[in-house]
Amino acid sequence: MNSQSVLIFFLATCVLLNCLNDAEGFVFKRINDVRRKSSKKAKKMLKKELRMIRKASREMKLAQQYVAKALAWENAFLK
């Protein structure tokens, strides 16, 4: 994998992480709306969605760290 493709992957993880953060905020807001006026089943489903989004965010952050390390190694070898 060359440095350009690694950089593109890094930027893609940044964009996806931003989208996941937006989704997490939306689901969290929806949980608060549902908490007031809906059933336990709906609350449970939304909490499950929130857990999945948070797990995906953690995985994307980890991928981002690996890509950053790969870029650092590549830059060290190019010098």
PDB file of N, CA and C in Angstrom:
ATOM      1  N   MET A   1       0.858  -1.170   0.000  1.00  0.00           N
ATOM      2  CA  MET A   1       0.000   0.000   0.000  1.00  0.00           C
ATOM      3  C   MET A   1       0.907   1.237   0.000  1.00  0.00           C
ATOM      4  N   ASN A   2       0.713   2.114  -0.961  1.00  0.00           N
ATOM      5  CA  ASN A   2       1.560   3.310  -1.013  1.00  0.00           C
ATOM      6  C   ASN A   2       1.008   4.414  -0.104  1.00  0.00           C
ATOM      7  N   SER A   3       1.778   5.466   0.042  1.00  0.00           N
ATOM      8  CA  SER A   3       1.413   6.514   0.991  1.00  0.00           C
ATOM      9  C   SER A   3       0.129   7.240   0.591  1.00  0.00           C
ATOM     10  N   GLN A   4      -0.120   7.366  -0.708  1.00  0.00           N
ATOM     11  CA  GLN A   4      -1.332   8.056  -1.136  1.00  0.00           C
ATOM     12  C   GLN A   4      -2.584   7.266  -0.754  1.00  0.00           C
ATOM     13  N   SER A   5      -2.559   5.959  -0.939  1.00  0.00           N
ATOM     14  CA  SER A   5      -3.728   5.159  -0.583  1.00  0.00           C
ATOM     15  C   SER A   5      -3.907   5.096   0.936  1.00  0.00           C
ATOM     16  N   VAL A   6      -2.808   5.080   1.682  1.00  0.00           N
ATOM     17  CA  VAL A   6      -2.905   5.103   3.146  1.00  0.00           C
ATOM     18  C   VAL A   6      -3.512   6.421   3.608  1.00  0.00           C
ATOM     19  N   LEU A   7      -3.105   7.508   2.995  1.00  0.00           N
ATOM     20  CA  LEU A   7      -3.649   8.813   3.352  1.00  0.00           C
ATOM     21  C   LEU A   7      -5.141   8.900   3.013  1.00  0.00           C
ATOM     22  N   ILE A   8      -5.534   8.363   1.880  1.00  0.00           N
ATOM     23  CA  ILE A   8      -6.950   8.351   1.495  1.00  0.00           C
ATOM     24  C   ILE A   8      -7.754   7.525   2.501  1.00  0.00           C
ATOM     25  N   PHE A   9      -7.201   6.373   2.901  1.00  0.00           N
ATOM     26  CA  PHE A   9      -7.881   5.546   3.890  1.00  0.00           C
ATOM     27  C   PHE A   9      -8.022   6.292   5.212  1.00  0.00           C
ATOM     28  N   PHE A  10      -6.964   7.018   5.610  1.00  0.00           N
ATOM     29  CA  PHE A  10      -7.006   7.792   6.849  1.00  0.00           C
ATOM     30  C   PHE A  10      -8.103   8.854   6.777  1.00  0.00           C
ATOM     31  N   LEU A  11      -8.184   9.556   5.667  1.00  0.00           N
ATOM     32  CA  LEU A  11      -9.229  10.577   5.514  1.00  0.00           C
ATOM     33  C   LEU A  11     -10.615   9.949   5.504  1.00  0.00           C
ATOM     34  N   ALA A  12     -10.734   8.776   4.894  1.00  0.00           N
ATOM     35  CA  ALA A  12     -12.026   8.085   4.884  1.00  0.00           C
ATOM     36  C   ALA A  12     -12.445   7.694   6.297  1.00  0.00           C
ATOM     37  N   THR A  13     -11.482   7.241   7.111  1.00  0.00           N
ATOM     38  CA  THR A  13     -11.831   6.903   8.493  1.00  0.00           C
ATOM     39  C   THR A  13     -12.259   8.149   9.266  1.00  0.00           C
ATOM     40  N   CYS A  14     -11.644   9.293   8.965  1.00  0.00           N
ATOM     41  CA  CYS A  14     -12.058  10.550   9.612  1.00  0.00           C
ATOM     42  C   CYS A  14     -13.499  10.889   9.263  1.00  0.00           C
ATOM     43  N   VAL A  15     -13.841  10.757   7.990  1.00  0.00           N
ATOM     44  CA  VAL A  15     -15.199  11.067   7.539  1.00  0.00           C
ATOM     45  C   VAL A  15     -16.198  10.105   8.166  1.00  0.00           C
ATOM     46  N   LEU A  16     -15.877   8.811   8.156  1.00  0.00           N
ATOM     47  CA  LEU A  16     -16.782   7.829   8.748  1.00  0.00           C
ATOM     48  C   LEU A  16     -16.943   8.036  10.243  1.00  0.00           C
ATOM     49  N   LEU A  17     -15.876   8.386  10.907  1.00  0.00           N
ATOM     50  CA  LEU A  17     -15.948   8.645  12.339  1.00  0.00           C
ATOM     51  C   LEU A  17     -16.842   9.844  12.627  1.00  0.00           C
ATOM     52  N   ASN A  18     -16.750  10.869  11.808  1.00  0.00           N
ATOM     53  CA  ASN A  18     -17.611  12.037  11.957  1.00  0.00           C
ATOM     54  C   ASN A  18     -19.078  11.647  11.752  1.00  0.00           C
ATOM     55  N   CYS A  19     -19.351  10.810  10.745  1.00  0.00           N
ATOM     56  CA  CYS A  19     -20.717  10.346  10.495  1.00  0.00           C
ATOM     57  C   CYS A  19     -21.242   9.526  11.673  1.00  0.00           C
ATOM     58  N   LEU A  20     -20.381   8.666  12.230  1.00  0.00           N
ATOM     59  CA  LEU A  20     -20.802   7.867  13.379  1.00  0.00           C
ATOM     60  C   LEU A  20     -21.089   8.744  14.587  1.00  0.00           C
ATOM     61  N   ASN A  21     -20.303   9.789  14.784  1.00  0.00           N
ATOM     62  CA  ASN A  21     -20.568  10.705  15.898  1.00  0.00           C
ATOM     63  C   ASN A  21     -21.902  11.419  15.709  1.00  0.00           C
ATOM     64  N   ASP A  22     -22.205  11.812  14.469  1.00  0.00           N
ATOM     65  CA  ASP A  22     -23.498  12.441  14.188  1.00  0.00           C
ATOM     66  C   ASP A  22     -24.638  11.461  14.441  1.00  0.00           C
ATOM     67  N   ALA A  23     -24.456  10.214  14.012  1.00  0.00           N
ATOM     68  CA  ALA A  23     -25.490   9.196  14.215  1.00  0.00           C
ATOM     69  C   ALA A  23     -25.697   8.924  15.697  1.00  0.00           C
ATOM     70  N   GLU A  24     -24.597   8.897  16.449  1.00  0.00           N
ATOM     71  CA  GLU A  24     -24.699   8.675  17.889  1.00  0.00           C
ATOM     72  C   GLU A  24     -25.503   9.794  18.547  1.00  0.00           C
ATOM     73  N   GLY A  25     -25.244  11.020  18.157  1.00  0.00           N
ATOM     74  CA  GLY A  25     -25.993  12.149  18.701  1.00  0.00           C
ATOM     75  C   GLY A  25     -27.466  12.081  18.338  1.00  0.00           C
ATOM     76  N   PHE A  26     -27.754  11.692  17.102  1.00  0.00           N
ATOM     77  CA  PHE A  26     -29.147  11.580  16.669  1.00  0.00           C
ATOM     78  C   PHE A  26     -29.880  10.507  17.457  1.00  0.00           C
ATOM     79  N   VAL A  27     -29.267   9.324  17.603  1.00  0.00           N
ATOM     80  CA  VAL A  27     -29.917   8.230  18.328  1.00  0.00           C
ATOM     81  C   VAL A  27     -30.079   8.602  19.794  1.00  0.00           C
ATOM     82  N   PHE A  28     -29.071   9.256  20.376  1.00  0.00           N
ATOM     83  CA  PHE A  28     -29.173   9.659  21.777  1.00  0.00           C
ATOM     84  C   PHE A  28     -30.326  10.642  21.969  1.00  0.00           C
ATOM     85  N   LYS A  29     -30.481  11.581  21.049  1.00  0.00           N
ATOM     86  CA  LYS A  29     -31.591  12.539  21.120  1.00  0.00           C
ATOM     87  C   LYS A  29     -32.928  11.811  20.980  1.00  0.00           C
ATOM     88  N   ARG A  30     -32.958  10.848  20.077  1.00  0.00           N
ATOM     89  CA  ARG A  30     -34.182  10.073  19.852  1.00  0.00           C
ATOM     90  C   ARG A  30     -34.548   9.262  21.095  1.00  0.00           C
ATOM     91  N   ILE A  31     -33.540   8.727  21.797  1.00  0.00           N
ATOM     92  CA  ILE A  31     -33.801   7.985  23.037  1.00  0.00           C
ATOM     93  C   ILE A  31     -34.464   8.897  24.054  1.00  0.00           C
ATOM     94  N   ASN A  32     -33.964  10.123  24.161  1.00  0.00           N
ATOM     95  CA  ASN A  32     -34.567  11.068  25.110  1.00  0.00           C
ATOM     96  C   ASN A  32     -36.004  11.409  24.725  1.00  0.00           C
ATOM     97  N   ASP A  33     -36.283  11.534  23.407  1.00  0.00           N
ATOM     98  CA  ASP A  33     -37.652  11.796  22.966  1.00  0.00           C
ATOM     99  C   ASP A  33     -38.563  10.619  23.270  1.00  0.00           C
ATOM    100  N   VAL A  34     -38.063   9.410  23.015  1.00  0.00           N
ATOM    101  CA  VAL A  34     -38.864   8.200  23.208  1.00  0.00           C
ATOM    102  C   VAL A  34     -39.090   7.930  24.685  1.00  0.00           C
ATOM    103  N   ARG A  35     -38.106   8.293  25.492  1.00  0.00           N
ATOM    104  CA  ARG A  35     -38.176   8.034  26.933  1.00  0.00           C
ATOM    105  C   ARG A  35     -39.443   8.629  27.539  1.00  0.00           C
ATOM    106  N   ARG A  36     -39.857   9.739  26.993  1.00  0.00           N
ATOM    107  CA  ARG A  36     -41.019  10.430  27.555  1.00  0.00           C
ATOM    108  C   ARG A  36     -42.348   9.816  27.136  1.00  0.00           C
ATOM    109  N   LYS A  37     -42.426   9.238  25.931  1.00  0.00           N
ATOM    110  CA  LYS A  37     -43.759   8.917  25.415  1.00  0.00           C
ATOM    111  C   LYS A  37     -43.885   7.582  24.683  1.00  0.00           C
ATOM    112  N   SER A  38     -42.949   6.659  24.854  1.00  0.00           N
ATOM    113  CA  SER A  38     -43.042   5.446  24.056  1.00  0.00           C
ATOM    114  C   SER A  38     -42.855   4.190  24.898  1.00  0.00           C
ATOM    115  N   SER A  39     -42.893   3.072  24.214  1.00  0.00           N
ATOM    116  CA  SER A  39     -42.854   1.778  24.886  1.00  0.00           C
ATOM    117  C   SER A  39     -41.435   1.367  25.279  1.00  0.00           C
ATOM    118  N   LYS A  40     -41.360   0.355  26.114  1.00  0.00           N
ATOM    119  CA  LYS A  40     -40.064  -0.162  26.536  1.00  0.00           C
ATOM    120  C   LYS A  40     -39.336  -0.809  25.366  1.00  0.00           C
ATOM    121  N   LYS A  41     -40.097  -1.426  24.455  1.00  0.00           N
ATOM    122  CA  LYS A  41     -39.478  -2.102  23.306  1.00  0.00           C
ATOM    123  C   LYS A  41     -38.739  -1.095  22.420  1.00  0.00           C
ATOM    124  N   ALA A  42     -39.365   0.060  22.188  1.00  0.00           N
ATOM    125  CA  ALA A  42     -38.722   1.084  21.365  1.00  0.00           C
ATOM    126  C   ALA A  42     -37.448   1.605  22.037  1.00  0.00           C
ATOM    127  N   LYS A  43     -37.522   1.818  23.342  1.00  0.00           N
ATOM    128  CA  LYS A  43     -36.348   2.290  24.080  1.00  0.00           C
ATOM    129  C   LYS A  43     -35.215   1.270  23.981  1.00  0.00           C
ATOM    130  N   LYS A  44     -35.577   0.004  24.128  1.00  0.00           N
ATOM    131  CA  LYS A  44     -34.576  -1.061  24.085  1.00  0.00           C
ATOM    132  C   LYS A  44     -33.903  -1.126  22.710  1.00  0.00           C
ATOM    133  N   MET A  45     -34.698  -0.980  21.653  1.00  0.00           N
ATOM    134  CA  MET A  45     -34.146  -1.005  20.295  1.00  0.00           C
ATOM    135  C   MET A  45     -33.192   0.164  20.078  1.00  0.00           C
ATOM    136  N   LEU A  46     -33.582   1.344  20.527  1.00  0.00           N
ATOM    137  CA  LEU A  46     -32.726   2.513  20.352  1.00  0.00           C
ATOM    138  C   LEU A  46     -31.437   2.398  21.156  1.00  0.00           C
ATOM    139  N   LYS A  47     -31.525   1.852  22.347  1.00  0.00           N
ATOM    140  CA  LYS A  47     -30.311   1.665  23.134  1.00  0.00           C
ATOM    141  C   LYS A  47     -29.379   0.664  22.465  1.00  0.00           C
ATOM    142  N   LYS A  48     -29.967  -0.362  21.841  1.00  0.00           N
ATOM    143  CA  LYS A  48     -29.152  -1.336  21.112  1.00  0.00           C
ATOM    144  C   LYS A  48     -28.456  -0.670  19.924  1.00  0.00           C
ATOM    145  N   GLU A  49     -29.186   0.179  19.205  1.00  0.00           N
ATOM    146  CA  GLU A  49     -28.586   0.923  18.097  1.00  0.00           C
ATOM    147  C   GLU A  49     -27.438   1.809  18.584  1.00  0.00           C
ATOM    148  N   LEU A  50     -27.645   2.457  19.708  1.00  0.00           N
ATOM    149  CA  LEU A  50     -26.618   3.335  20.262  1.00  0.00           C
ATOM    150  C   LEU A  50     -25.362   2.539  20.621  1.00  0.00           C
ATOM    151  N   ARG A  51     -25.542   1.354  21.201  1.00  0.00           N
ATOM    152  CA  ARG A  51     -24.386   0.501  21.515  1.00  0.00           C
ATOM    153  C   ARG A  51     -23.640   0.106  20.254  1.00  0.00           C
ATOM    154  N   MET A  52     -24.378  -0.248  19.197  1.00  0.00           N
ATOM    155  CA  MET A  52     -23.735  -0.638  17.940  1.00  0.00           C
ATOM    156  C   MET A  52     -22.966   0.527  17.335  1.00  0.00           C
ATOM    157  N   ILE A  53     -23.531   1.726  17.379  1.00  0.00           N
ATOM    158  CA  ILE A  53     -22.856   2.910  16.837  1.00  0.00           C
ATOM    159  C   ILE A  53     -21.590   3.201  17.641  1.00  0.00           C
ATOM    160  N   ARG A  54     -21.686   3.104  18.945  1.00  0.00           N
ATOM    161  CA  ARG A  54     -20.508   3.360  19.783  1.00  0.00           C
ATOM    162  C   ARG A  54     -19.412   2.326  19.532  1.00  0.00           C
ATOM    163  N   LYS A  55     -19.825   1.071  19.317  1.00  0.00           N
ATOM    164  CA  LYS A  55     -18.836   0.025  19.018  1.00  0.00           C
ATOM    165  C   LYS A  55     -18.155   0.323  17.680  1.00  0.00           C
ATOM    166  N   ALA A  56     -18.939   0.713  16.685  1.00  0.00           N
ATOM    167  CA  ALA A  56     -18.370   1.061  15.381  1.00  0.00           C
ATOM    168  C   ALA A  56     -17.424   2.254  15.500  1.00  0.00           C
ATOM    169  N   SER A  57     -17.776   3.225  16.342  1.00  0.00           N
ATOM    170  CA  SER A  57     -16.906   4.387  16.559  1.00  0.00           C
ATOM    171  C   SER A  57     -15.573   3.965  17.164  1.00  0.00           C
ATOM    172  N   ARG A  58     -15.630   3.073  18.145  1.00  0.00           N
ATOM    173  CA  ARG A  58     -14.382   2.588  18.753  1.00  0.00           C
ATOM    174  C   ARG A  58     -13.520   1.876  17.722  1.00  0.00           C
ATOM    175  N   GLU A  59     -14.156   1.056  16.874  1.00  0.00           N
ATOM    176  CA  GLU A  59     -13.398   0.335  15.852  1.00  0.00           C
ATOM    177  C   GLU A  59     -12.789   1.290  14.828  1.00  0.00           C
ATOM    178  N   MET A  60     -13.521   2.335  14.464  1.00  0.00           N
ATOM    179  CA  MET A  60     -12.992   3.309  13.513  1.00  0.00           C
ATOM    180  C   MET A  60     -11.831   4.086  14.123  1.00  0.00           C
ATOM    181  N   LYS A  61     -11.932   4.423  15.398  1.00  0.00           N
ATOM    182  CA  LYS A  61     -10.827   5.121  16.067  1.00  0.00           C
ATOM    183  C   LYS A  61      -9.586   4.241  16.096  1.00  0.00           C
ATOM    184  N   LEU A  62      -9.784   2.953  16.340  1.00  0.00           N
ATOM    185  CA  LEU A  62      -8.658   2.023  16.341  1.00  0.00           C
ATOM    186  C   LEU A  62      -8.035   1.925  14.946  1.00  0.00           C
ATOM    187  N   ALA A  63      -8.888   1.840  13.919  1.00  0.00           N
ATOM    188  CA  ALA A  63      -8.376   1.800  12.545  1.00  0.00           C
ATOM    189  C   ALA A  63      -7.615   3.075  12.224  1.00  0.00           C
ATOM    190  N   GLN A  64      -8.121   4.186  12.696  1.00  0.00           N
ATOM    191  CA  GLN A  64      -7.459   5.472  12.464  1.00  0.00           C
ATOM    192  C   GLN A  64      -6.083   5.502  13.129  1.00  0.00           C
ATOM    193  N   GLN A  65      -5.977   4.939  14.324  1.00  0.00           N
ATOM    194  CA  GLN A  65      -4.682   4.885  15.007  1.00  0.00           C
ATOM    195  C   GLN A  65      -3.689   4.027  14.228  1.00  0.00           C
ATOM    196  N   TYR A  66      -4.166   2.879  13.705  1.00  0.00           N
ATOM    197  CA  TYR A  66      -3.283   2.010  12.923  1.00  0.00           C
ATOM    198  C   TYR A  66      -2.803   2.711  11.655  1.00  0.00           C
ATOM    199  N   VAL A  67      -3.699   3.427  11.007  1.00  0.00           N
ATOM    200  CA  VAL A  67      -3.320   4.135   9.787  1.00  0.00           C
ATOM    201  C   VAL A  67      -2.328   5.250  10.107  1.00  0.00           C
ATOM    202  N   ALA A  68      -2.551   5.947  11.200  1.00  0.00           N
ATOM    203  CA  ALA A  68      -1.613   7.002  11.588  1.00  0.00           C
ATOM    204  C   ALA A  68      -0.227   6.420  11.866  1.00  0.00           C
ATOM    205  N   LYS A  69      -0.187   5.257  12.508  1.00  0.00           N
ATOM    206  CA  LYS A  69       1.098   4.606  12.760  1.00  0.00           C
ATOM    207  C   LYS A  69       1.758   4.187  11.452  1.00  0.00           C
ATOM    208  N   ALA A  70       0.944   3.675  10.517  1.00  0.00           N
ATOM    209  CA  ALA A  70       1.494   3.270   9.214  1.00  0.00           C
ATOM    210  C   ALA A  70       2.069   4.478   8.482  1.00  0.00           C
ATOM    211  N   LEU A  71       1.381   5.607   8.528  1.00  0.00           N
ATOM    212  CA  LEU A  71       1.896   6.827   7.894  1.00  0.00           C
ATOM    213  C   LEU A  71       3.196   7.280   8.555  1.00  0.00           C
ATOM    214  N   ALA A  72       3.246   7.191   9.868  1.00  0.00           N
ATOM    215  CA  ALA A  72       4.460   7.598  10.578  1.00  0.00           C
ATOM    216  C   ALA A  72       5.637   6.704  10.196  1.00  0.00           C
ATOM    217  N   TRP A  73       5.395   5.401  10.125  1.00  0.00           N
ATOM    218  CA  TRP A  73       6.456   4.479   9.729  1.00  0.00           C
ATOM    219  C   TRP A  73       6.916   4.763   8.306  1.00  0.00           C
ATOM    220  N   GLU A  74       5.956   4.991   7.428  1.00  0.00           N
ATOM    221  CA  GLU A  74       6.315   5.246   6.036  1.00  0.00           C
ATOM    222  C   GLU A  74       7.120   6.535   5.909  1.00  0.00           C
ATOM    223  N   ASN A  75       6.711   7.568   6.619  1.00  0.00           N
ATOM    224  CA  ASN A  75       7.464   8.828   6.594  1.00  0.00           C
ATOM    225  C   ASN A  75       8.869   8.652   7.159  1.00  0.00           C
ATOM    226  N   ALA A  76       9.001   7.821   8.189  1.00  0.00           N
ATOM    227  CA  ALA A  76      10.317   7.574   8.777  1.00  0.00           C
ATOM    228  C   ALA A  76      11.231   6.858   7.783  1.00  0.00           C
ATOM    229  N   PHE A  77      10.677   5.941   7.006  1.00  0.00           N
ATOM    230  CA  PHE A  77      11.491   5.215   6.029  1.00  0.00           C
ATOM    231  C   PHE A  77      11.822   6.056   4.802  1.00  0.00           C
ATOM    232  N   LEU A  78      10.968   7.019   4.482  1.00  0.00           N
ATOM    233  CA  LEU A  78      11.225   7.860   3.310  1.00  0.00           C
ATOM    234  C   LEU A  78      12.318   8.886   3.576  1.00  0.00           C
ATOM    235  N   LYS A  79      12.557   9.222   4.825  1.00  0.00           N
ATOM    236  CA  LYS A  79      13.557  10.245   5.160  1.00  0.00           C
ATOM    237  C   LYS A  79      14.953   9.709   5.098  1.00  0.00           C
TER     238      LYS A  79
END
